[in-house]
Each structure stands twice: as C-alpha cells, then as structure tokens.
Amino acid sequence: MPALRMDASMSILASARMPRPLPIEAAIPPSHSLPTSQKQTS
C-alpha cells in the first residue's frame, strides 16, 4: 500500500512545515518578543 505510506509522509511533512501542531511554541515567541509590554503592565 504505497498510497498509505505517501499519505503518512505528506502528513508528517505538512505538520512539520505548518506551525499548527505547535501552538505552545508559537505562543512563546510573542511573550519574549514583547518585553516592553511586561514593563508597562508592571
């Protein structure tokens, strides 16, 4: 069943390319990217 294998490969590649499966990592950069926001909130 090469179709299944190809699907799995494509799924993995798409997941690695898309930052959707990594919502935590995507939410971390903004926090570190906005240090002034924390200072203003203090």
N, C-alpha and C. Protein backbone atom coordinates (compact mmCIF):
# COMPACT_ATOMS: atom_id res chain seq x y z
N MET A 1 0.85 -1.21 0.00
CA MET A 1 0.00 0.00 0.00
C MET A 1 0.88 1.25 0.00
N PRO A 2 1.35 1.65 -1.15
CA PRO A 2 2.22 2.83 -1.23
C PRO A 2 1.42 4.12 -1.00
N ALA A 3 0.16 4.09 -1.30
CA ALA A 3 -0.68 5.28 -1.12
C ALA A 3 -0.70 5.68 0.35
N LEU A 4 -0.85 4.68 1.22
CA LEU A 4 -0.90 4.98 2.65
C LEU A 4 0.43 5.58 3.11
N ARG A 5 1.51 4.98 2.61
CA ARG A 5 2.84 5.46 3.02
C ARG A 5 3.05 6.89 2.54
N MET A 6 2.63 7.15 1.33
CA MET A 6 2.78 8.50 0.77
C MET A 6 1.95 9.49 1.60
N ASP A 7 0.75 9.10 1.96
CA ASP A 7 -0.11 9.96 2.77
C ASP A 7 0.56 10.29 4.09
N ALA A 8 1.13 9.27 4.71
CA ALA A 8 1.79 9.48 6.01
C ALA A 8 2.96 10.43 5.85
N SER A 9 3.74 10.24 4.80
CA SER A 9 4.90 11.11 4.57
C SER A 9 4.44 12.55 4.38
N MET A 10 3.41 12.73 3.57
CA MET A 10 2.90 14.07 3.30
C MET A 10 2.35 14.69 4.58
N SER A 11 1.66 13.89 5.37
CA SER A 11 1.08 14.40 6.62
C SER A 11 2.20 14.88 7.55
N ILE A 12 3.26 14.09 7.65
CA ILE A 12 4.37 14.45 8.54
C ILE A 12 5.04 15.72 8.03
N LEU A 13 5.27 15.77 6.72
CA LEU A 13 5.94 16.95 6.14
C LEU A 13 5.07 18.19 6.36
N ALA A 14 3.78 18.06 6.11
CA ALA A 14 2.86 19.18 6.28
C ALA A 14 2.85 19.62 7.74
N SER A 15 2.84 18.67 8.65
CA SER A 15 2.82 19.00 10.09
C SER A 15 4.09 19.74 10.48
N ALA A 16 5.21 19.27 9.96
CA ALA A 16 6.50 19.90 10.30
C ALA A 16 6.58 21.30 9.70
N ARG A 17 5.99 21.46 8.52
CA ARG A 17 6.05 22.78 7.85
C ARG A 17 5.06 23.75 8.50
N MET A 18 3.90 23.25 8.84
CA MET A 18 2.88 24.13 9.43
C MET A 18 3.07 24.26 10.94
N PRO A 19 3.02 25.48 11.45
CA PRO A 19 3.19 25.70 12.90
C PRO A 19 1.87 25.51 13.65
N ARG A 20 0.99 24.69 13.08
CA ARG A 20 -0.31 24.46 13.74
C ARG A 20 -0.18 23.46 14.89
N PRO A 21 0.60 22.39 14.70
CA PRO A 21 0.75 21.40 15.76
C PRO A 21 1.63 21.92 16.91
N LEU A 22 2.10 23.18 16.78
CA LEU A 22 2.96 23.73 17.84
C LEU A 22 2.39 25.07 18.32
N PRO A 23 1.22 25.03 18.94
CA PRO A 23 0.60 26.27 19.42
C PRO A 23 1.36 26.85 20.61
N ILE A 24 1.96 25.98 21.42
CA ILE A 24 2.70 26.43 22.59
C ILE A 24 3.94 27.21 22.14
N GLU A 25 4.70 26.63 21.23
CA GLU A 25 5.92 27.30 20.74
C GLU A 25 5.56 28.62 20.07
N ALA A 26 4.44 28.64 19.38
CA ALA A 26 4.02 29.85 18.67
C ALA A 26 3.60 30.93 19.66
N ALA A 27 3.14 30.52 20.82
CA ALA A 27 2.69 31.49 21.83
C ALA A 27 3.86 31.95 22.69
N ILE A 28 4.98 31.25 22.62
CA ILE A 28 6.14 31.64 23.43
C ILE A 28 6.89 32.84 22.81
N PRO A 29 7.18 32.80 21.51
CA PRO A 29 7.91 33.91 20.88
C PRO A 29 7.30 35.27 21.18
N PRO A 30 5.99 35.47 20.97
CA PRO A 30 5.37 36.78 21.23
C PRO A 30 5.67 37.26 22.65
N SER A 31 5.63 36.37 23.62
CA SER A 31 5.87 36.76 25.01
C SER A 31 7.28 37.33 25.15
N HIS A 32 8.25 36.68 24.53
CA HIS A 32 9.64 37.14 24.64
C HIS A 32 9.88 38.31 23.71
N SER A 33 9.05 38.42 22.70
CA SER A 33 9.23 39.48 21.70
C SER A 33 8.64 40.80 22.21
N LEU A 34 7.87 40.74 23.29
CA LEU A 34 7.24 41.95 23.82
C LEU A 34 7.64 42.17 25.29
N PRO A 35 8.92 42.45 25.51
CA PRO A 35 9.39 42.68 26.89
C PRO A 35 8.89 44.03 27.41
N THR A 36 8.71 44.99 26.52
CA THR A 36 8.24 46.32 26.93
C THR A 36 6.81 46.22 27.45
N SER A 37 6.02 45.32 26.85
CA SER A 37 4.62 45.15 27.29
C SER A 37 4.59 44.75 28.76
N GLN A 38 5.50 43.88 29.17
CA GLN A 38 5.53 43.44 30.57
C GLN A 38 5.92 44.61 31.47
N LYS A 39 6.84 45.43 31.00
CA LYS A 39 7.29 46.57 31.82
C LYS A 39 6.14 47.55 32.01
N GLN A 40 5.39 47.77 30.94
CA GLN A 40 4.27 48.71 31.02
C GLN A 40 3.21 48.18 31.97
N THR A 41 3.01 46.85 31.96
CA THR A 41 1.98 46.25 32.82
C THR A 41 2.40 46.32 34.28
N SER A 42 3.69 46.26 34.53
CA SER A 42 4.17 46.28 35.92
C SER A 42 3.71 47.56 36.61
